[in-house]
Structure formats: structure tokens, C-alpha cells
Amino acid sequence: MGKKNRIYSKEFKQDAVNYYYSSGKSIKACASDLGISCRVD
């Protein structure tokens, strides 16, 4: 079975980017904090 892709709102995506820039953490650490995958396509 494959994994189901999640659909994130524009607001969530923007908040995630803002969190990354303001936190000083790596993308992997931010993704873990937000409970999402750090995979980028």
C-alpha cells in the first residue's frame, strides 16, 4: 500500500516557511516539529 498524500492549506505552508526562517533550525528539525515529512520534490 502507498502512502496517502496530505493536502496542506496555503496558510499552513506559509506558516511552516516562516517557522523555518525564524527558528534557525534545519529543515529536518522543523519538519519533525511540525509533524510533516522533510522530503521536497
PDB file of N, CA and C in Angstrom:
ATOM      1  N   MET A   1       0.836  -1.196   0.000  1.00  0.00           N
ATOM      2  CA  MET A   1       0.000   0.000   0.000  1.00  0.00           C
ATOM      3  C   MET A   1       0.872   1.247   0.000  1.00  0.00           C
ATOM      4  N   GLY A   2       0.455   2.236  -0.762  1.00  0.00           N
ATOM      5  CA  GLY A   2       1.179   3.503  -0.803  1.00  0.00           C
ATOM      6  C   GLY A   2       0.695   4.449   0.278  1.00  0.00           C
ATOM      7  N   LYS A   3       1.485   5.443   0.516  1.00  0.00           N
ATOM      8  CA  LYS A   3       1.101   6.457   1.494  1.00  0.00           C
ATOM      9  C   LYS A   3       0.162   7.455   0.843  1.00  0.00           C
ATOM     10  N   LYS A   4      -0.803   7.938   1.599  1.00  0.00           N
ATOM     11  CA  LYS A   4      -1.737   8.932   1.090  1.00  0.00           C
ATOM     12  C   LYS A   4      -1.106  10.318   1.221  1.00  0.00           C
ATOM     13  N   ASN A   5      -1.141  11.077   0.140  1.00  0.00           N
ATOM     14  CA  ASN A   5      -0.601  12.439   0.175  1.00  0.00           C
ATOM     15  C   ASN A   5      -1.532  13.343   0.949  1.00  0.00           C
ATOM     16  N   ARG A   6      -0.956  14.154   1.782  1.00  0.00           N
ATOM     17  CA  ARG A   6      -1.739  15.121   2.547  1.00  0.00           C
ATOM     18  C   ARG A   6      -1.831  16.410   1.764  1.00  0.00           C
ATOM     19  N   ILE A   7      -2.913  17.116   1.962  1.00  0.00           N
ATOM     20  CA  ILE A   7      -3.096  18.423   1.321  1.00  0.00           C
ATOM     21  C   ILE A   7      -3.034  19.474   2.420  1.00  0.00           C
ATOM     22  N   TYR A   8      -2.094  20.400   2.268  1.00  0.00           N
ATOM     23  CA  TYR A   8      -1.896  21.456   3.259  1.00  0.00           C
ATOM     24  C   TYR A   8      -2.400  22.775   2.692  1.00  0.00           C
ATOM     25  N   SER A   9      -3.004  23.572   3.557  1.00  0.00           N
ATOM     26  CA  SER A   9      -3.517  24.874   3.131  1.00  0.00           C
ATOM     27  C   SER A   9      -2.363  25.834   2.849  1.00  0.00           C
ATOM     28  N   LYS A  10      -2.652  26.870   2.082  1.00  0.00           N
ATOM     29  CA  LYS A  10      -1.633  27.895   1.812  1.00  0.00           C
ATOM     30  C   LYS A  10      -1.152  28.518   3.114  1.00  0.00           C
ATOM     31  N   GLU A  11      -2.078  28.711   4.054  1.00  0.00           N
ATOM     32  CA  GLU A  11      -1.721  29.314   5.339  1.00  0.00           C
ATOM     33  C   GLU A  11      -0.739  28.415   6.103  1.00  0.00           C
ATOM     34  N   PHE A  12      -0.997  27.115   6.117  1.00  0.00           N
ATOM     35  CA  PHE A  12      -0.092  26.193   6.799  1.00  0.00           C
ATOM     36  C   PHE A  12       1.286  26.221   6.157  1.00  0.00           C
ATOM     37  N   LYS A  13       1.324  26.198   4.841  1.00  0.00           N
ATOM     38  CA  LYS A  13       2.598  26.221   4.125  1.00  0.00           C
ATOM     39  C   LYS A  13       3.381  27.495   4.442  1.00  0.00           C
ATOM     40  N   GLN A  14       2.697  28.627   4.436  1.00  0.00           N
ATOM     41  CA  GLN A  14       3.371  29.892   4.731  1.00  0.00           C
ATOM     42  C   GLN A  14       3.856  29.925   6.173  1.00  0.00           C
ATOM     43  N   ASP A  15       3.026  29.428   7.087  1.00  0.00           N
ATOM     44  CA  ASP A  15       3.431  29.368   8.495  1.00  0.00           C
ATOM     45  C   ASP A  15       4.644  28.461   8.685  1.00  0.00           C
ATOM     46  N   ALA A  16       4.685  27.351   7.942  1.00  0.00           N
ATOM     47  CA  ALA A  16       5.821  26.433   8.036  1.00  0.00           C
ATOM     48  C   ALA A  16       7.102  27.104   7.548  1.00  0.00           C
ATOM     49  N   VAL A  17       7.017  27.838   6.448  1.00  0.00           N
ATOM     50  CA  VAL A  17       8.181  28.556   5.925  1.00  0.00           C
ATOM     51  C   VAL A  17       8.626  29.629   6.919  1.00  0.00           C
ATOM     52  N   ASN A  18       7.684  30.377   7.454  1.00  0.00           N
ATOM     53  CA  ASN A  18       8.022  31.411   8.445  1.00  0.00           C
ATOM     54  C   ASN A  18       8.672  30.790   9.682  1.00  0.00           C
ATOM     55  N   TYR A  19       8.157  29.645  10.099  1.00  0.00           N
ATOM     56  CA  TYR A  19       8.733  28.942  11.251  1.00  0.00           C
ATOM     57  C   TYR A  19      10.182  28.558  10.960  1.00  0.00           C
ATOM     58  N   TYR A  20      10.432  28.021   9.770  1.00  0.00           N
ATOM     59  CA  TYR A  20      11.794  27.636   9.390  1.00  0.00           C
ATOM     60  C   TYR A  20      12.744  28.829   9.444  1.00  0.00           C
ATOM     61  N   TYR A  21      12.339  29.938   8.828  1.00  0.00           N
ATOM     62  CA  TYR A  21      13.223  31.111   8.783  1.00  0.00           C
ATOM     63  C   TYR A  21      13.448  31.729  10.159  1.00  0.00           C
ATOM     64  N   SER A  22      12.443  31.710  11.008  1.00  0.00           N
ATOM     65  CA  SER A  22      12.576  32.360  12.307  1.00  0.00           C
ATOM     66  C   SER A  22      13.202  31.459  13.373  1.00  0.00           C
ATOM     67  N   SER A  23      13.193  30.147  13.165  1.00  0.00           N
ATOM     68  CA  SER A  23      13.659  29.226  14.205  1.00  0.00           C
ATOM     69  C   SER A  23      15.171  29.032  14.223  1.00  0.00           C
ATOM     70  N   GLY A  24      15.813  29.166  13.063  1.00  0.00           N
ATOM     71  CA  GLY A  24      17.241  28.893  12.987  1.00  0.00           C
ATOM     72  C   GLY A  24      17.562  27.407  12.984  1.00  0.00           C
ATOM     73  N   LYS A  25      16.538  26.567  12.879  1.00  0.00           N
ATOM     74  CA  LYS A  25      16.715  25.117  12.861  1.00  0.00           C
ATOM     75  C   LYS A  25      16.860  24.625  11.425  1.00  0.00           C
ATOM     76  N   SER A  26      17.285  23.376  11.298  1.00  0.00           N
ATOM     77  CA  SER A  26      17.375  22.755   9.973  1.00  0.00           C
ATOM     78  C   SER A  26      15.958  22.445   9.471  1.00  0.00           C
ATOM     79  N   ILE A  27      15.860  22.206   8.167  1.00  0.00           N
ATOM     80  CA  ILE A  27      14.566  21.838   7.592  1.00  0.00           C
ATOM     81  C   ILE A  27      14.075  20.539   8.230  1.00  0.00           C
ATOM     82  N   LYS A  28      14.980  19.598   8.410  1.00  0.00           N
ATOM     83  CA  LYS A  28      14.603  18.311   9.012  1.00  0.00           C
ATOM     84  C   LYS A  28      14.041  18.504  10.425  1.00  0.00           C
ATOM     85  N   ALA A  29      14.671  19.352  11.225  1.00  0.00           N
ATOM     86  CA  ALA A  29      14.207  19.597  12.587  1.00  0.00           C
ATOM     87  C   ALA A  29      12.847  20.302  12.581  1.00  0.00           C
ATOM     88  N   CYS A  30      12.675  21.261  11.687  1.00  0.00           N
ATOM     89  CA  CYS A  30      11.392  21.969  11.593  1.00  0.00           C
ATOM     90  C   CYS A  30      10.282  21.021  11.155  1.00  0.00           C
ATOM     91  N   ALA A  31      10.574  20.171  10.184  1.00  0.00           N
ATOM     92  CA  ALA A  31       9.578  19.205   9.713  1.00  0.00           C
ATOM     93  C   ALA A  31       9.168  18.280  10.846  1.00  0.00           C
ATOM     94  N   SER A  32      10.137  17.837  11.619  1.00  0.00           N
ATOM     95  CA  SER A  32       9.840  16.974  12.761  1.00  0.00           C
ATOM     96  C   SER A  32       8.963  17.706  13.778  1.00  0.00           C
ATOM     97  N   ASP A  33       9.295  18.961  14.062  1.00  0.00           N
ATOM     98  CA  ASP A  33       8.499  19.759  14.999  1.00  0.00           C
ATOM     99  C   ASP A  33       7.059  19.908  14.528  1.00  0.00           C
ATOM    100  N   LEU A  34       6.880  20.042  13.204  1.00  0.00           N
ATOM    101  CA  LEU A  34       5.543  20.257  12.635  1.00  0.00           C
ATOM    102  C   LEU A  34       4.824  18.936  12.336  1.00  0.00           C
ATOM    103  N   GLY A  35       5.508  17.819  12.485  1.00  0.00           N
ATOM    104  CA  GLY A  35       4.900  16.525  12.243  1.00  0.00           C
ATOM    105  C   GLY A  35       4.682  16.218  10.766  1.00  0.00           C
ATOM    106  N   ILE A  36       5.588  16.751   9.927  1.00  0.00           N
ATOM    107  CA  ILE A  36       5.473  16.532   8.476  1.00  0.00           C
ATOM    108  C   ILE A  36       6.778  15.945   7.959  1.00  0.00           C
ATOM    109  N   SER A  37       6.751  15.452   6.735  1.00  0.00           N
ATOM    110  CA  SER A  37       7.944  14.909   6.086  1.00  0.00           C
ATOM    111  C   SER A  37       8.820  16.059   5.610  1.00  0.00           C
ATOM    112  N   CYS A  38      10.134  15.855   5.636  1.00  0.00           N
ATOM    113  CA  CYS A  38      11.040  16.890   5.141  1.00  0.00           C
ATOM    114  C   CYS A  38      11.385  16.664   3.676  1.00  0.00           C
ATOM    115  N   ARG A  39      10.763  15.691   3.031  1.00  0.00           N
ATOM    116  CA  ARG A  39      11.014  15.403   1.622  1.00  0.00           C
ATOM    117  C   ARG A  39      10.505  16.548   0.748  1.00  0.00           C
ATOM    118  N   VAL A  40      11.359  17.003  -0.142  1.00  0.00           N
ATOM    119  CA  VAL A  40      10.993  18.093  -1.048  1.00  0.00           C
ATOM    120  C   VAL A  40      11.128  17.594  -2.478  1.00  0.00           C
ATOM    121  N   ASP A  41      10.068  17.769  -3.259  1.00  0.00           N
ATOM    122  CA  ASP A  41      10.098  17.348  -4.665  1.00  0.00           C
ATOM    123  C   ASP A  41      10.202  18.537  -5.569  1.00  0.00           C
TER     124      ASP A  41
END
